[in-house]
Amino acid sequence: MTRKHIAIVDDNMETLSTLQRLFGRLENVTVTTFSNPLKAIEDAKKGEFDVILLDIVMPELNGLHFLEKVRYYNSETKIFIMTSEATLDRTLEAHRQEADDFLTKPFKSLEELTKKVLNA
C-alpha cells in the first residue's frame, strides 16, 4: 500500500483531534492538521496532499472558496467536504466545484470514513 498524506482542515479543535487520532494510528498514513485554512491553502495548491478533509464553515476562509482555489491549481488531490450544516445549496456547490465527496458531521461511522479516505 502506498503512503497517503492526508490534510485535515477544520477550525473545530475536537474534530481535528479526533481525526488526527483516527488516521494517525494507521500504517502508511501521514496526517497534517490545520485549524486555519489560510495556512493550508498553499500546500494544498501545490498538491502536497493525497486527500483533504475540509470543513465548509470556517471564519478565515469558507471551505467552498478553499476548494475553488485549490481546484484551480490542483485537480489531482481528493477533497472531501465536511459539514454539520448540510444544505442542498452547499451540496450542489461542492459538487459543482468538483468536491470528491460530501460528508455530514457527526460521522455515522468512523470505520466507513476511514475506508472512504484510504480508498480515495
N, C-alpha and C. Protein backbone atom coordinates (compact mmCIF):
# COMPACT_ATOMS: atom_id res chain seq x y z
N MET A 1 0.84 -1.19 0.00
CA MET A 1 0.00 0.00 0.00
C MET A 1 0.88 1.24 0.00
N THR A 2 0.57 2.20 -0.87
CA THR A 2 1.35 3.43 -0.93
C THR A 2 0.99 4.34 0.24
N ARG A 3 1.96 5.10 0.67
CA ARG A 3 1.74 6.02 1.78
C ARG A 3 0.82 7.14 1.32
N LYS A 4 -0.17 7.47 2.15
CA LYS A 4 -1.10 8.56 1.86
C LYS A 4 -0.80 9.72 2.79
N HIS A 5 -0.84 10.91 2.24
CA HIS A 5 -0.69 12.12 3.05
C HIS A 5 -2.06 12.79 3.08
N ILE A 6 -2.64 12.85 4.28
CA ILE A 6 -3.97 13.39 4.48
C ILE A 6 -3.87 14.72 5.21
N ALA A 7 -4.58 15.72 4.71
CA ALA A 7 -4.69 17.00 5.41
C ALA A 7 -6.10 17.11 5.97
N ILE A 8 -6.19 17.59 7.19
CA ILE A 8 -7.49 17.83 7.81
C ILE A 8 -7.53 19.33 8.10
N VAL A 9 -8.53 20.01 7.53
CA VAL A 9 -8.66 21.45 7.68
C VAL A 9 -10.00 21.73 8.33
N ASP A 10 -9.95 22.16 9.60
CA ASP A 10 -11.18 22.39 10.36
C ASP A 10 -10.85 23.33 11.51
N ASP A 11 -11.71 24.29 11.76
CA ASP A 11 -11.47 25.22 12.87
C ASP A 11 -11.92 24.65 14.22
N ASN A 12 -12.56 23.49 14.20
CA ASN A 12 -13.00 22.84 15.44
C ASN A 12 -11.89 21.91 15.94
N MET A 13 -11.31 22.26 17.08
CA MET A 13 -10.17 21.51 17.60
C MET A 13 -10.55 20.08 17.98
N GLU A 14 -11.77 19.85 18.41
CA GLU A 14 -12.21 18.50 18.75
C GLU A 14 -12.24 17.60 17.50
N THR A 15 -12.76 18.13 16.41
CA THR A 15 -12.78 17.38 15.15
C THR A 15 -11.36 17.09 14.68
N LEU A 16 -10.49 18.11 14.73
CA LEU A 16 -9.10 17.91 14.33
C LEU A 16 -8.44 16.81 15.15
N SER A 17 -8.63 16.87 16.45
CA SER A 17 -8.02 15.89 17.35
C SER A 17 -8.54 14.48 17.09
N THR A 18 -9.84 14.35 16.93
CA THR A 18 -10.45 13.03 16.69
C THR A 18 -9.93 12.42 15.39
N LEU A 19 -9.93 13.22 14.33
CA LEU A 19 -9.49 12.70 13.03
C LEU A 19 -7.98 12.46 13.00
N GLN A 20 -7.22 13.29 13.70
CA GLN A 20 -5.77 13.09 13.81
C GLN A 20 -5.49 11.73 14.46
N ARG A 21 -6.19 11.43 15.56
CA ARG A 21 -6.01 10.13 16.24
C ARG A 21 -6.45 8.98 15.34
N LEU A 22 -7.59 9.14 14.67
CA LEU A 22 -8.13 8.09 13.81
C LEU A 22 -7.15 7.72 12.70
N PHE A 23 -6.69 8.70 11.95
CA PHE A 23 -5.82 8.42 10.81
C PHE A 23 -4.36 8.27 11.21
N GLY A 24 -3.97 8.93 12.29
CA GLY A 24 -2.58 8.87 12.74
C GLY A 24 -2.14 7.49 13.22
N ARG A 25 -3.07 6.67 13.63
CA ARG A 25 -2.71 5.34 14.12
C ARG A 25 -2.56 4.31 12.99
N LEU A 26 -2.89 4.71 11.78
CA LEU A 26 -2.82 3.80 10.65
C LEU A 26 -1.43 3.78 10.04
N GLU A 27 -1.01 2.60 9.61
CA GLU A 27 0.26 2.48 8.89
C GLU A 27 0.11 3.15 7.53
N ASN A 28 1.21 3.61 7.00
CA ASN A 28 1.26 4.21 5.67
C ASN A 28 0.39 5.45 5.51
N VAL A 29 0.14 6.16 6.61
CA VAL A 29 -0.63 7.40 6.55
C VAL A 29 0.13 8.48 7.30
N THR A 30 0.28 9.62 6.65
CA THR A 30 0.81 10.82 7.29
C THR A 30 -0.34 11.81 7.39
N VAL A 31 -0.51 12.41 8.56
CA VAL A 31 -1.62 13.34 8.78
C VAL A 31 -1.05 14.71 9.12
N THR A 32 -1.57 15.73 8.45
CA THR A 32 -1.24 17.11 8.77
C THR A 32 -2.56 17.81 9.05
N THR A 33 -2.62 18.54 10.17
CA THR A 33 -3.85 19.23 10.53
C THR A 33 -3.65 20.74 10.46
N PHE A 34 -4.73 21.41 10.12
CA PHE A 34 -4.73 22.87 10.05
C PHE A 34 -6.03 23.38 10.68
N SER A 35 -5.91 24.28 11.64
CA SER A 35 -7.11 24.92 12.18
C SER A 35 -7.42 26.20 11.43
N ASN A 36 -6.46 26.65 10.61
CA ASN A 36 -6.63 27.85 9.81
C ASN A 36 -6.45 27.48 8.33
N PRO A 37 -7.49 27.62 7.52
CA PRO A 37 -7.40 27.23 6.11
C PRO A 37 -6.40 28.06 5.32
N LEU A 38 -6.15 29.28 5.74
CA LEU A 38 -5.19 30.12 5.02
C LEU A 38 -3.78 29.53 5.10
N LYS A 39 -3.48 28.85 6.19
CA LYS A 39 -2.17 28.21 6.34
C LYS A 39 -2.08 26.93 5.49
N ALA A 40 -3.20 26.33 5.20
CA ALA A 40 -3.22 25.07 4.44
C ALA A 40 -3.25 25.27 2.93
N ILE A 41 -3.71 26.40 2.50
CA ILE A 41 -4.04 26.55 1.08
C ILE A 41 -2.82 26.48 0.16
N GLU A 42 -1.69 27.04 0.54
CA GLU A 42 -0.52 27.00 -0.35
C GLU A 42 -0.03 25.57 -0.56
N ASP A 43 0.06 24.78 0.53
CA ASP A 43 0.47 23.38 0.40
C ASP A 43 -0.54 22.60 -0.44
N ALA A 44 -1.81 22.90 -0.24
CA ALA A 44 -2.86 22.20 -0.98
C ALA A 44 -2.80 22.53 -2.48
N LYS A 45 -2.53 23.78 -2.81
CA LYS A 45 -2.42 24.17 -4.22
C LYS A 45 -1.28 23.43 -4.91
N LYS A 46 -0.20 23.18 -4.17
CA LYS A 46 0.98 22.51 -4.74
C LYS A 46 0.81 21.00 -4.86
N GLY A 47 -0.30 20.47 -4.34
CA GLY A 47 -0.51 19.03 -4.43
C GLY A 47 0.24 18.26 -3.35
N GLU A 48 0.46 18.88 -2.20
CA GLU A 48 1.19 18.25 -1.10
C GLU A 48 0.43 17.07 -0.49
N PHE A 49 -0.88 17.00 -0.71
CA PHE A 49 -1.71 16.01 -0.04
C PHE A 49 -2.42 15.11 -1.05
N ASP A 50 -2.63 13.87 -0.65
CA ASP A 50 -3.41 12.94 -1.47
C ASP A 50 -4.90 13.16 -1.25
N VAL A 51 -5.26 13.43 0.02
CA VAL A 51 -6.66 13.63 0.41
C VAL A 51 -6.73 14.81 1.36
N ILE A 52 -7.75 15.65 1.18
CA ILE A 52 -8.01 16.75 2.11
C ILE A 52 -9.42 16.57 2.65
N LEU A 53 -9.53 16.53 3.98
CA LEU A 53 -10.84 16.56 4.65
C LEU A 53 -11.04 18.02 5.04
N LEU A 54 -12.04 18.66 4.48
CA LEU A 54 -12.19 20.11 4.55
C LEU A 54 -13.53 20.52 5.13
N ASP A 55 -13.47 21.22 6.24
CA ASP A 55 -14.70 21.77 6.83
C ASP A 55 -15.20 22.88 5.91
N ILE A 56 -16.51 23.04 5.84
CA ILE A 56 -17.07 24.04 4.95
C ILE A 56 -17.26 25.39 5.63
N VAL A 57 -17.54 25.40 6.95
CA VAL A 57 -17.81 26.65 7.65
C VAL A 57 -16.63 26.97 8.57
N MET A 58 -15.82 27.96 8.13
CA MET A 58 -14.68 28.41 8.93
C MET A 58 -14.61 29.93 8.82
N PRO A 59 -14.19 30.59 9.89
CA PRO A 59 -14.20 32.05 9.87
C PRO A 59 -13.18 32.68 8.92
N GLU A 60 -12.00 32.09 8.77
CA GLU A 60 -10.96 32.72 7.96
C GLU A 60 -11.22 32.60 6.46
N LEU A 61 -11.75 31.46 6.04
CA LEU A 61 -11.99 31.20 4.62
C LEU A 61 -13.02 30.09 4.52
N ASN A 62 -14.09 30.36 3.83
CA ASN A 62 -15.13 29.36 3.62
C ASN A 62 -14.54 28.16 2.87
N GLY A 63 -14.94 26.96 3.27
CA GLY A 63 -14.43 25.75 2.64
C GLY A 63 -14.68 25.68 1.15
N LEU A 64 -15.78 26.23 0.68
CA LEU A 64 -16.07 26.22 -0.76
C LEU A 64 -15.10 27.13 -1.52
N HIS A 65 -14.72 28.25 -0.90
CA HIS A 65 -13.72 29.13 -1.53
C HIS A 65 -12.36 28.45 -1.54
N PHE A 66 -12.05 27.76 -0.46
CA PHE A 66 -10.80 26.98 -0.39
C PHE A 66 -10.78 25.96 -1.53
N LEU A 67 -11.86 25.22 -1.66
CA LEU A 67 -11.99 24.20 -2.71
C LEU A 67 -11.78 24.81 -4.10
N GLU A 68 -12.42 25.94 -4.34
CA GLU A 68 -12.31 26.60 -5.64
C GLU A 68 -10.85 27.00 -5.93
N LYS A 69 -10.17 27.57 -4.95
CA LYS A 69 -8.78 27.99 -5.13
C LYS A 69 -7.85 26.79 -5.38
N VAL A 70 -8.06 25.73 -4.61
CA VAL A 70 -7.20 24.55 -4.76
C VAL A 70 -7.46 23.88 -6.11
N ARG A 71 -8.70 23.75 -6.50
CA ARG A 71 -9.03 23.08 -7.77
C ARG A 71 -8.46 23.83 -8.97
N TYR A 72 -8.33 25.15 -8.87
CA TYR A 72 -7.76 25.93 -9.96
C TYR A 72 -6.32 25.50 -10.25
N TYR A 73 -5.58 25.16 -9.21
CA TYR A 73 -4.17 24.78 -9.33
C TYR A 73 -3.94 23.27 -9.31
N ASN A 74 -4.86 22.54 -8.73
CA ASN A 74 -4.61 21.12 -8.46
C ASN A 74 -5.91 20.33 -8.59
N SER A 75 -5.97 19.48 -9.60
CA SER A 75 -7.18 18.67 -9.78
C SER A 75 -6.98 17.23 -9.30
N GLU A 76 -5.77 16.90 -8.88
CA GLU A 76 -5.45 15.52 -8.51
C GLU A 76 -5.85 15.15 -7.08
N THR A 77 -5.69 16.07 -6.15
CA THR A 77 -5.98 15.78 -4.75
C THR A 77 -7.47 15.50 -4.56
N LYS A 78 -7.78 14.46 -3.81
CA LYS A 78 -9.17 14.16 -3.47
C LYS A 78 -9.57 15.08 -2.33
N ILE A 79 -10.70 15.76 -2.48
CA ILE A 79 -11.16 16.69 -1.45
C ILE A 79 -12.56 16.28 -1.01
N PHE A 80 -12.66 16.01 0.29
CA PHE A 80 -13.93 15.64 0.90
C PHE A 80 -14.40 16.81 1.77
N ILE A 81 -15.54 17.35 1.43
CA ILE A 81 -16.13 18.44 2.20
C ILE A 81 -16.83 17.85 3.42
N MET A 82 -16.59 18.46 4.59
CA MET A 82 -17.25 18.03 5.83
C MET A 82 -18.09 19.19 6.35
N THR A 83 -19.29 18.88 6.82
CA THR A 83 -20.12 19.92 7.41
C THR A 83 -21.14 19.34 8.37
N SER A 84 -21.48 20.14 9.35
CA SER A 84 -22.59 19.76 10.23
C SER A 84 -23.84 20.53 9.82
N GLU A 85 -23.69 21.40 8.83
CA GLU A 85 -24.80 22.22 8.35
C GLU A 85 -25.04 21.94 6.86
N ALA A 86 -25.41 20.72 6.56
CA ALA A 86 -25.63 20.34 5.16
C ALA A 86 -26.92 20.95 4.63
N THR A 87 -26.78 21.62 3.50
CA THR A 87 -27.96 22.13 2.79
C THR A 87 -27.84 21.69 1.34
N LEU A 88 -28.94 21.69 0.64
CA LEU A 88 -28.92 21.32 -0.77
C LEU A 88 -28.02 22.27 -1.56
N ASP A 89 -28.10 23.57 -1.27
CA ASP A 89 -27.27 24.53 -1.98
C ASP A 89 -25.78 24.25 -1.78
N ARG A 90 -25.38 23.98 -0.56
CA ARG A 90 -23.97 23.69 -0.27
C ARG A 90 -23.52 22.41 -0.95
N THR A 91 -24.36 21.41 -0.91
CA THR A 91 -24.03 20.13 -1.54
C THR A 91 -23.85 20.31 -3.04
N LEU A 92 -24.77 21.01 -3.67
CA LEU A 92 -24.68 21.24 -5.12
C LEU A 92 -23.45 22.08 -5.47
N GLU A 93 -23.17 23.10 -4.66
CA GLU A 93 -22.00 23.94 -4.93
C GLU A 93 -20.70 23.14 -4.76
N ALA A 94 -20.64 22.29 -3.76
CA ALA A 94 -19.45 21.45 -3.55
C ALA A 94 -19.24 20.52 -4.74
N HIS A 95 -20.30 19.93 -5.25
CA HIS A 95 -20.17 19.05 -6.42
C HIS A 95 -19.82 19.85 -7.68
N ARG A 96 -20.38 21.04 -7.80
CA ARG A 96 -20.07 21.89 -8.96
C ARG A 96 -18.57 22.24 -8.98
N GLN A 97 -18.01 22.43 -7.80
CA GLN A 97 -16.59 22.77 -7.70
C GLN A 97 -15.70 21.53 -7.62
N GLU A 98 -16.27 20.40 -7.93
CA GLU A 98 -15.54 19.15 -8.05
C GLU A 98 -15.03 18.58 -6.73
N ALA A 99 -15.81 18.74 -5.67
CA ALA A 99 -15.50 18.02 -4.44
C ALA A 99 -15.69 16.53 -4.73
N ASP A 100 -14.86 15.71 -4.12
CA ASP A 100 -14.96 14.27 -4.38
C ASP A 100 -16.03 13.60 -3.54
N ASP A 101 -16.37 14.21 -2.42
CA ASP A 101 -17.44 13.66 -1.58
C ASP A 101 -17.90 14.73 -0.61
N PHE A 102 -19.08 14.54 -0.06
CA PHE A 102 -19.68 15.48 0.89
C PHE A 102 -20.04 14.67 2.13
N LEU A 103 -19.39 14.96 3.25
CA LEU A 103 -19.56 14.18 4.47
C LEU A 103 -20.28 15.02 5.53
N THR A 104 -21.28 14.43 6.16
CA THR A 104 -22.03 15.13 7.19
C THR A 104 -21.50 14.76 8.57
N LYS A 105 -21.22 15.81 9.38
CA LYS A 105 -20.78 15.60 10.76
C LYS A 105 -22.02 15.69 11.66
N PRO A 106 -22.10 14.95 12.71
CA PRO A 106 -21.12 13.96 13.14
C PRO A 106 -21.14 12.75 12.21
N PHE A 107 -20.00 12.13 12.06
CA PHE A 107 -19.86 10.99 11.16
C PHE A 107 -20.60 9.79 11.74
N LYS A 108 -21.33 9.09 10.88
CA LYS A 108 -22.09 7.92 11.33
C LYS A 108 -21.17 6.79 11.71
N SER A 109 -20.11 6.61 10.95
CA SER A 109 -19.20 5.50 11.20
C SER A 109 -17.77 5.94 10.89
N LEU A 110 -16.92 5.93 11.90
CA LEU A 110 -15.52 6.28 11.66
C LEU A 110 -14.83 5.22 10.81
N GLU A 111 -15.28 3.98 10.93
CA GLU A 111 -14.72 2.90 10.11
C GLU A 111 -15.03 3.15 8.63
N GLU A 112 -16.26 3.55 8.35
CA GLU A 112 -16.66 3.84 6.97
C GLU A 112 -15.88 5.06 6.44
N LEU A 113 -15.71 6.07 7.26
CA LEU A 113 -14.94 7.25 6.88
C LEU A 113 -13.51 6.87 6.55
N THR A 114 -12.91 6.04 7.39
CA THR A 114 -11.53 5.59 7.18
C THR A 114 -11.41 4.86 5.84
N LYS A 115 -12.31 3.94 5.57
CA LYS A 115 -12.27 3.19 4.31
C LYS A 115 -12.39 4.12 3.11
N LYS A 116 -13.31 5.07 3.19
CA LYS A 116 -13.55 6.00 2.10
C LYS A 116 -12.29 6.82 1.80
N VAL A 117 -11.64 7.31 2.84
CA VAL A 117 -10.44 8.12 2.67
C VAL A 117 -9.29 7.29 2.14
N LEU A 118 -9.09 6.11 2.70
CA LEU A 118 -7.99 5.27 2.26
C LEU A 118 -8.16 4.76 0.83
N ASN A 119 -9.40 4.62 0.39
CA ASN A 119 -9.65 4.15 -0.97
C ASN A 119 -9.70 5.26 -2.00
N ALA A 120 -9.55 6.49 -1.54
CA ALA A 120 -9.62 7.65 -2.46
C ALA A 120 -8.40 7.71 -3.35
